[in-house]
Amino acid sequence: MKKGLRCMEQKDSFEPAGNYILHNTMEDHVIEKTKAIVSKMDMCQCEKCFIDICAMVLNKTAPVYVTTTKGTLMAKIPHMDQAKELALTVLITQTAKMVMEKPMH
């Protein structure tokens, strides 16, 4: 067995033992930003529409994974430049308009 792979030995799937996590912090960022944008739009405010917007946006963004709680906290420190933040705002707004025009419920 190679050193560093012991946690995956003889398991069909990985289950963290409590010391580490696997989390896409971009998901948190998109959810927060989508809440702010959608709340100002004249559109359906139901959970299904909200989740549809978030899912579509996340499918078009690069994930930012962390493996520790400290990493999650560090990722909350603004790390995107203004151009990327603006692009994300535009993407969320465009996606919200698509969902507004053709809701999936």
N, C-alpha and C. Protein backbone atom coordinates (compact mmCIF):
# COMPACT_ATOMS: atom_id res chain seq x y z
N MET A 1 0.84 -1.18 0.00
CA MET A 1 0.00 0.00 0.00
C MET A 1 0.88 1.25 0.00
N LYS A 2 0.52 2.21 -0.82
CA LYS A 2 1.27 3.46 -0.88
C LYS A 2 0.95 4.32 0.34
N LYS A 3 1.95 5.03 0.80
CA LYS A 3 1.75 5.93 1.92
C LYS A 3 0.78 7.05 1.52
N GLY A 4 -0.14 7.41 2.42
CA GLY A 4 -1.10 8.47 2.14
C GLY A 4 -2.42 7.96 1.59
N LEU A 5 -2.49 6.69 1.21
CA LEU A 5 -3.73 6.15 0.67
C LEU A 5 -4.45 5.24 1.66
N ARG A 6 -3.98 5.18 2.88
CA ARG A 6 -4.54 4.27 3.86
C ARG A 6 -6.04 4.51 4.11
N CYS A 7 -6.48 5.75 4.07
CA CYS A 7 -7.88 6.04 4.36
C CYS A 7 -8.82 5.45 3.31
N MET A 8 -8.34 5.15 2.13
CA MET A 8 -9.18 4.61 1.07
C MET A 8 -9.08 3.09 0.97
N GLU A 9 -8.21 2.49 1.75
CA GLU A 9 -7.97 1.05 1.67
C GLU A 9 -9.23 0.24 1.97
N GLN A 10 -9.54 -0.70 1.11
CA GLN A 10 -10.61 -1.66 1.32
C GLN A 10 -11.99 -1.03 1.50
N LYS A 11 -12.25 0.11 0.93
CA LYS A 11 -13.56 0.74 1.06
C LYS A 11 -14.16 0.96 -0.32
N ASP A 12 -15.46 0.77 -0.41
CA ASP A 12 -16.16 1.05 -1.66
C ASP A 12 -16.38 2.54 -1.85
N SER A 13 -16.53 3.25 -0.74
CA SER A 13 -16.71 4.70 -0.81
C SER A 13 -15.98 5.34 0.37
N PHE A 14 -15.67 6.59 0.22
CA PHE A 14 -14.93 7.31 1.26
C PHE A 14 -15.90 7.93 2.24
N GLU A 15 -15.65 7.74 3.52
CA GLU A 15 -16.44 8.37 4.57
C GLU A 15 -15.48 9.07 5.51
N PRO A 16 -15.54 10.41 5.59
CA PRO A 16 -14.63 11.14 6.47
C PRO A 16 -14.78 10.69 7.92
N ALA A 17 -13.67 10.65 8.64
CA ALA A 17 -13.67 10.22 10.03
C ALA A 17 -13.92 11.38 10.98
N GLY A 18 -14.13 12.57 10.49
CA GLY A 18 -14.43 13.71 11.33
C GLY A 18 -13.37 14.80 11.30
N ASN A 19 -12.18 14.49 10.82
CA ASN A 19 -11.11 15.48 10.79
C ASN A 19 -11.10 16.31 9.51
N TYR A 20 -11.67 15.76 8.47
CA TYR A 20 -11.61 16.43 7.17
C TYR A 20 -12.98 16.46 6.54
N ILE A 21 -13.15 17.39 5.63
CA ILE A 21 -14.40 17.53 4.90
C ILE A 21 -14.08 17.61 3.41
N LEU A 22 -15.08 17.51 2.62
CA LEU A 22 -14.95 17.77 1.19
C LEU A 22 -16.12 18.67 0.83
N HIS A 23 -15.81 19.94 0.56
CA HIS A 23 -16.87 20.92 0.36
C HIS A 23 -16.52 21.90 -0.75
N ASN A 24 -17.49 22.14 -1.61
CA ASN A 24 -17.35 23.12 -2.69
C ASN A 24 -17.82 24.47 -2.16
N THR A 25 -16.89 25.34 -1.82
CA THR A 25 -17.26 26.64 -1.25
C THR A 25 -17.93 27.55 -2.27
N MET A 26 -17.75 27.26 -3.54
CA MET A 26 -18.44 28.06 -4.56
C MET A 26 -19.95 27.89 -4.42
N GLU A 27 -20.39 26.73 -3.94
CA GLU A 27 -21.81 26.50 -3.72
C GLU A 27 -22.36 27.51 -2.70
N ASP A 28 -21.65 27.70 -1.61
CA ASP A 28 -22.08 28.67 -0.60
C ASP A 28 -22.16 30.08 -1.18
N HIS A 29 -21.15 30.42 -1.95
CA HIS A 29 -21.09 31.76 -2.54
C HIS A 29 -22.24 31.98 -3.52
N VAL A 30 -22.50 30.99 -4.36
CA VAL A 30 -23.59 31.11 -5.34
C VAL A 30 -24.94 31.20 -4.64
N ILE A 31 -25.14 30.41 -3.59
CA ILE A 31 -26.40 30.44 -2.86
C ILE A 31 -26.63 31.83 -2.25
N GLU A 32 -25.62 32.36 -1.58
CA GLU A 32 -25.74 33.69 -0.97
C GLU A 32 -26.03 34.77 -2.01
N LYS A 33 -25.27 34.74 -3.09
CA LYS A 33 -25.42 35.76 -4.13
C LYS A 33 -26.77 35.62 -4.84
N THR A 34 -27.21 34.40 -5.06
CA THR A 34 -28.49 34.17 -5.72
C THR A 34 -29.63 34.66 -4.84
N LYS A 35 -29.56 34.42 -3.53
CA LYS A 35 -30.59 34.92 -2.62
C LYS A 35 -30.73 36.43 -2.75
N ALA A 36 -29.61 37.12 -2.76
CA ALA A 36 -29.62 38.58 -2.84
C ALA A 36 -30.21 39.07 -4.16
N ILE A 37 -29.86 38.42 -5.24
CA ILE A 37 -30.31 38.86 -6.57
C ILE A 37 -31.78 38.53 -6.78
N VAL A 38 -32.18 37.29 -6.49
CA VAL A 38 -33.55 36.84 -6.75
C VAL A 38 -34.55 37.60 -5.88
N SER A 39 -34.15 37.95 -4.67
CA SER A 39 -35.07 38.66 -3.77
C SER A 39 -35.47 40.03 -4.32
N LYS A 40 -34.67 40.57 -5.22
CA LYS A 40 -34.95 41.88 -5.81
C LYS A 40 -35.68 41.78 -7.15
N MET A 41 -35.90 40.54 -7.61
CA MET A 41 -36.54 40.35 -8.91
C MET A 41 -38.02 40.03 -8.73
N ASP A 42 -38.81 40.41 -9.72
CA ASP A 42 -40.24 40.10 -9.71
C ASP A 42 -40.42 38.74 -10.35
N MET A 43 -40.18 37.70 -9.55
CA MET A 43 -40.26 36.33 -10.05
C MET A 43 -40.71 35.41 -8.93
N CYS A 44 -40.99 34.19 -9.27
CA CYS A 44 -41.37 33.18 -8.28
C CYS A 44 -40.25 33.04 -7.26
N GLN A 45 -40.61 33.03 -6.00
CA GLN A 45 -39.62 32.94 -4.92
C GLN A 45 -39.62 31.55 -4.27
N CYS A 46 -40.17 30.55 -4.97
CA CYS A 46 -40.26 29.21 -4.37
C CYS A 46 -38.89 28.53 -4.35
N GLU A 47 -38.82 27.49 -3.53
CA GLU A 47 -37.57 26.74 -3.36
C GLU A 47 -37.12 26.08 -4.66
N LYS A 48 -38.07 25.54 -5.44
CA LYS A 48 -37.73 24.85 -6.69
C LYS A 48 -37.05 25.80 -7.67
N CYS A 49 -37.61 26.97 -7.85
CA CYS A 49 -37.00 27.95 -8.77
C CYS A 49 -35.62 28.36 -8.27
N PHE A 50 -35.50 28.59 -6.96
CA PHE A 50 -34.22 29.00 -6.39
C PHE A 50 -33.16 27.92 -6.60
N ILE A 51 -33.50 26.68 -6.29
CA ILE A 51 -32.55 25.57 -6.44
C ILE A 51 -32.19 25.36 -7.91
N ASP A 52 -33.17 25.51 -8.80
CA ASP A 52 -32.88 25.37 -10.23
C ASP A 52 -31.87 26.41 -10.69
N ILE A 53 -32.03 27.65 -10.24
CA ILE A 53 -31.09 28.71 -10.60
C ILE A 53 -29.69 28.36 -10.08
N CYS A 54 -29.60 27.99 -8.81
CA CYS A 54 -28.30 27.66 -8.22
C CYS A 54 -27.63 26.50 -8.95
N ALA A 55 -28.40 25.46 -9.26
CA ALA A 55 -27.84 24.29 -9.95
C ALA A 55 -27.29 24.66 -11.32
N MET A 56 -28.06 25.44 -12.07
CA MET A 56 -27.61 25.83 -13.41
C MET A 56 -26.37 26.71 -13.35
N VAL A 57 -26.34 27.63 -12.39
CA VAL A 57 -25.17 28.50 -12.24
C VAL A 57 -23.95 27.68 -11.83
N LEU A 58 -24.12 26.78 -10.87
CA LEU A 58 -22.98 25.97 -10.42
C LEU A 58 -22.44 25.06 -11.52
N ASN A 59 -23.32 24.62 -12.42
CA ASN A 59 -22.87 23.80 -13.55
C ASN A 59 -22.01 24.59 -14.53
N LYS A 60 -22.06 25.92 -14.44
CA LYS A 60 -21.29 26.76 -15.35
C LYS A 60 -20.11 27.45 -14.66
N THR A 61 -19.87 27.13 -13.39
CA THR A 61 -18.77 27.76 -12.66
C THR A 61 -17.76 26.71 -12.22
N ALA A 62 -16.55 27.15 -12.02
CA ALA A 62 -15.50 26.26 -11.54
C ALA A 62 -15.67 26.04 -10.04
N PRO A 63 -15.59 24.79 -9.59
CA PRO A 63 -15.71 24.54 -8.16
C PRO A 63 -14.47 25.01 -7.41
N VAL A 64 -14.66 25.29 -6.12
CA VAL A 64 -13.55 25.66 -5.23
C VAL A 64 -13.68 24.75 -4.01
N TYR A 65 -12.97 23.63 -4.04
CA TYR A 65 -13.08 22.64 -2.96
C TYR A 65 -12.10 22.91 -1.83
N VAL A 66 -12.56 22.62 -0.61
CA VAL A 66 -11.71 22.68 0.57
C VAL A 66 -11.82 21.33 1.27
N THR A 67 -10.83 21.03 2.12
CA THR A 67 -10.83 19.75 2.83
C THR A 67 -10.79 19.90 4.34
N THR A 68 -10.80 21.13 4.83
CA THR A 68 -10.81 21.37 6.27
C THR A 68 -11.79 22.49 6.60
N THR A 69 -12.20 22.53 7.85
CA THR A 69 -13.07 23.61 8.30
C THR A 69 -12.35 24.94 8.18
N LYS A 70 -11.06 24.95 8.47
CA LYS A 70 -10.27 26.19 8.32
C LYS A 70 -10.29 26.64 6.86
N GLY A 71 -10.20 25.69 5.95
CA GLY A 71 -10.26 26.03 4.53
C GLY A 71 -11.59 26.64 4.15
N THR A 72 -12.67 26.16 4.76
CA THR A 72 -13.99 26.72 4.50
C THR A 72 -14.04 28.17 4.96
N LEU A 73 -13.49 28.43 6.14
CA LEU A 73 -13.48 29.80 6.66
C LEU A 73 -12.60 30.70 5.80
N MET A 74 -11.45 30.20 5.38
CA MET A 74 -10.55 30.99 4.54
C MET A 74 -11.19 31.30 3.18
N ALA A 75 -11.98 30.36 2.67
CA ALA A 75 -12.62 30.56 1.37
C ALA A 75 -13.69 31.63 1.43
N LYS A 76 -14.20 31.93 2.63
CA LYS A 76 -15.21 32.97 2.76
C LYS A 76 -14.61 34.36 2.63
N ILE A 77 -13.31 34.46 2.81
CA ILE A 77 -12.63 35.73 2.59
C ILE A 77 -12.70 36.01 1.09
N PRO A 78 -13.15 37.19 0.72
CA PRO A 78 -13.32 37.47 -0.72
C PRO A 78 -12.07 37.12 -1.52
N HIS A 79 -12.24 36.21 -2.46
CA HIS A 79 -11.09 35.77 -3.26
C HIS A 79 -11.29 36.04 -4.75
N MET A 80 -12.48 36.47 -5.11
CA MET A 80 -12.74 36.73 -6.51
C MET A 80 -12.47 38.19 -6.82
N ASP A 81 -11.89 38.43 -7.96
CA ASP A 81 -11.69 39.83 -8.34
C ASP A 81 -13.01 40.41 -8.85
N GLN A 82 -13.02 41.70 -9.06
CA GLN A 82 -14.26 42.39 -9.44
C GLN A 82 -14.83 41.87 -10.75
N ALA A 83 -13.97 41.55 -11.69
CA ALA A 83 -14.45 41.07 -12.98
C ALA A 83 -15.16 39.72 -12.83
N LYS A 84 -14.61 38.83 -12.00
CA LYS A 84 -15.24 37.53 -11.79
C LYS A 84 -16.55 37.67 -11.01
N GLU A 85 -16.58 38.57 -10.04
CA GLU A 85 -17.81 38.83 -9.29
C GLU A 85 -18.89 39.36 -10.21
N LEU A 86 -18.52 40.28 -11.08
CA LEU A 86 -19.48 40.84 -12.04
C LEU A 86 -19.98 39.75 -12.99
N ALA A 87 -19.09 38.91 -13.48
CA ALA A 87 -19.48 37.82 -14.37
C ALA A 87 -20.44 36.86 -13.66
N LEU A 88 -20.20 36.58 -12.39
CA LEU A 88 -21.08 35.71 -11.62
C LEU A 88 -22.45 36.38 -11.44
N THR A 89 -22.46 37.65 -11.16
CA THR A 89 -23.72 38.39 -11.01
C THR A 89 -24.53 38.33 -12.30
N VAL A 90 -23.87 38.54 -13.42
CA VAL A 90 -24.54 38.50 -14.73
C VAL A 90 -25.08 37.09 -14.99
N LEU A 91 -24.28 36.07 -14.70
CA LEU A 91 -24.70 34.69 -14.93
C LEU A 91 -25.93 34.35 -14.07
N ILE A 92 -25.92 34.73 -12.82
CA ILE A 92 -27.06 34.46 -11.94
C ILE A 92 -28.30 35.20 -12.45
N THR A 93 -28.14 36.45 -12.83
CA THR A 93 -29.27 37.24 -13.32
C THR A 93 -29.85 36.65 -14.60
N GLN A 94 -29.00 36.28 -15.53
CA GLN A 94 -29.46 35.67 -16.78
C GLN A 94 -30.17 34.34 -16.52
N THR A 95 -29.60 33.55 -15.64
CA THR A 95 -30.20 32.25 -15.31
C THR A 95 -31.54 32.44 -14.62
N ALA A 96 -31.63 33.40 -13.72
CA ALA A 96 -32.89 33.69 -13.04
C ALA A 96 -33.96 34.09 -14.04
N LYS A 97 -33.59 34.88 -15.03
CA LYS A 97 -34.55 35.29 -16.07
C LYS A 97 -35.03 34.09 -16.87
N MET A 98 -34.13 33.14 -17.16
CA MET A 98 -34.51 31.92 -17.88
C MET A 98 -35.52 31.12 -17.06
N VAL A 99 -35.23 30.96 -15.77
CA VAL A 99 -36.12 30.20 -14.90
C VAL A 99 -37.46 30.93 -14.76
N MET A 100 -37.41 32.24 -14.68
CA MET A 100 -38.62 33.04 -14.56
C MET A 100 -39.52 32.85 -15.77
N GLU A 101 -38.94 32.78 -16.95
CA GLU A 101 -39.70 32.61 -18.19
C GLU A 101 -40.25 31.21 -18.35
N LYS A 102 -39.52 30.20 -17.86
CA LYS A 102 -39.96 28.81 -17.99
C LYS A 102 -39.69 28.04 -16.70
N PRO A 103 -40.49 28.33 -15.66
CA PRO A 103 -40.29 27.61 -14.39
C PRO A 103 -40.56 26.11 -14.57
N MET A 104 -39.90 25.30 -13.77
CA MET A 104 -40.00 23.84 -13.90
C MET A 104 -41.05 23.25 -12.95
N HIS A 105 -41.99 24.07 -12.55
CA HIS A 105 -43.06 23.55 -11.67
C HIS A 105 -44.42 23.87 -12.24
